[in-house]
Amino acid sequence: MTRLRLMVACLLALALLLLLGWQAQREQLVKACLDSGGAWTGNACGPLRIRPILQRDLHRS
């Protein structure tokens, strides 16, 4: 391998390790949120909100 290819391979491996670490941390945050009874909103833990059921207006004129 040339020096450039070795450097690129090392950078890609480092990026992969960083992403795997970030994913593991997010999974821990989500698990802790769900275990505490909260709801994960995609970026933070919040209270469990029950959404209303949408109903159609069946009255015709």
C-alpha atoms as a PDB file:
ATOM      1  CA  MET A   1       0.000   0.000   0.000  1.00  0.00           C
ATOM      2  CA  THR A   2       1.150   3.464  -0.698  1.00  0.00           C
ATOM      3  CA  ARG A   3       1.376   5.977   2.079  1.00  0.00           C
ATOM      4  CA  LEU A   4      -1.673   7.885   0.812  1.00  0.00           C
ATOM      5  CA  ARG A   5      -3.846   4.765   0.722  1.00  0.00           C
ATOM      6  CA  LEU A   6      -2.746   3.846   4.220  1.00  0.00           C
ATOM      7  CA  MET A   7      -3.652   7.321   5.501  1.00  0.00           C
ATOM      8  CA  VAL A   8      -7.063   7.194   3.797  1.00  0.00           C
ATOM      9  CA  ALA A   9      -7.729   3.724   5.223  1.00  0.00           C
ATOM     10  CA  CYS A  10      -6.796   4.933   8.720  1.00  0.00           C
ATOM     11  CA  LEU A  11      -9.033   8.002   8.422  1.00  0.00           C
ATOM     12  CA  LEU A  12     -11.973   5.906   7.253  1.00  0.00           C
ATOM     13  CA  ALA A  13     -11.444   3.406  10.068  1.00  0.00           C
ATOM     14  CA  LEU A  14     -11.326   6.264  12.586  1.00  0.00           C
ATOM     15  CA  ALA A  15     -14.522   7.771  11.166  1.00  0.00           C
ATOM     16  CA  LEU A  16     -16.230   4.378  11.395  1.00  0.00           C
ATOM     17  CA  LEU A  17     -15.157   3.953  15.020  1.00  0.00           C
ATOM     18  CA  LEU A  18     -16.420   7.430  15.886  1.00  0.00           C
ATOM     19  CA  LEU A  19     -19.799   6.727  14.296  1.00  0.00           C
ATOM     20  CA  LEU A  20     -20.105   3.389  16.095  1.00  0.00           C
ATOM     21  CA  GLY A  21     -19.298   5.082  19.402  1.00  0.00           C
ATOM     22  CA  TRP A  22     -21.855   7.823  18.755  1.00  0.00           C
ATOM     23  CA  GLN A  23     -24.484   5.205  17.878  1.00  0.00           C
ATOM     24  CA  ALA A  24     -23.791   3.268  21.086  1.00  0.00           C
ATOM     25  CA  GLN A  25     -24.125   6.460  23.136  1.00  0.00           C
ATOM     26  CA  ARG A  26     -27.455   7.327  21.481  1.00  0.00           C
ATOM     27  CA  GLU A  27     -28.747   3.808  22.112  1.00  0.00           C
ATOM     28  CA  GLN A  28     -27.873   4.180  25.801  1.00  0.00           C
ATOM     29  CA  LEU A  29     -29.707   7.522  25.956  1.00  0.00           C
ATOM     30  CA  VAL A  30     -32.813   6.065  24.315  1.00  0.00           C
ATOM     31  CA  LYS A  31     -32.776   3.007  26.585  1.00  0.00           C
ATOM     32  CA  ALA A  32     -32.417   5.160  29.711  1.00  0.00           C
ATOM     33  CA  CYS A  33     -35.280   7.365  28.521  1.00  0.00           C
ATOM     34  CA  LEU A  34     -37.601   4.449  27.833  1.00  0.00           C
ATOM     35  CA  ASP A  35     -36.678   2.731  31.113  1.00  0.00           C
ATOM     36  CA  SER A  36     -37.613   5.885  33.027  1.00  0.00           C
ATOM     37  CA  GLY A  37     -41.052   5.962  31.387  1.00  0.00           C
ATOM     38  CA  GLY A  38     -40.378   8.785  28.967  1.00  0.00           C
ATOM     39  CA  ALA A  39     -40.715   8.965  25.224  1.00  0.00           C
ATOM     40  CA  TRP A  40     -37.760   9.550  22.916  1.00  0.00           C
ATOM     41  CA  THR A  41     -38.588  12.416  20.562  1.00  0.00           C
ATOM     42  CA  GLY A  42     -35.628  11.946  18.256  1.00  0.00           C
ATOM     43  CA  ASN A  43     -33.297  14.344  20.008  1.00  0.00           C
ATOM     44  CA  ALA A  44     -34.331  14.316  23.664  1.00  0.00           C
ATOM     45  CA  CYS A  45     -36.352  12.504  26.274  1.00  0.00           C
ATOM     46  CA  GLY A  46     -39.759  13.958  26.975  1.00  0.00           C
ATOM     47  CA  PRO A  47     -43.012  13.037  28.646  1.00  0.00           C
ATOM     48  CA  LEU A  48     -45.207  10.439  27.019  1.00  0.00           C
ATOM     49  CA  ARG A  49     -47.864  12.352  25.098  1.00  0.00           C
ATOM     50  CA  ILE A  50     -50.926  10.565  23.827  1.00  0.00           C
ATOM     51  CA  ARG A  51     -51.909  11.986  20.493  1.00  0.00           C
ATOM     52  CA  PRO A  52     -55.592  12.532  19.737  1.00  0.00           C
ATOM     53  CA  ILE A  53     -57.206  10.299  17.183  1.00  0.00           C
ATOM     54  CA  LEU A  54     -58.194  12.230  14.093  1.00  0.00           C
ATOM     55  CA  GLN A  55     -61.807  11.832  13.075  1.00  0.00           C
ATOM     56  CA  ARG A  56     -63.402  12.679   9.789  1.00  0.00           C
ATOM     57  CA  ASP A  57     -66.393  14.938   9.650  1.00  0.00           C
ATOM     58  CA  LEU A  58     -69.124  12.579   8.430  1.00  0.00           C
ATOM     59  CA  HIS A  59     -71.832  15.234   8.208  1.00  0.00           C
ATOM     60  CA  ARG A  60     -72.779  16.006   4.632  1.00  0.00           C
ATOM     61  CA  SER A  61     -74.739  19.013   3.551  1.00  0.00           C
END
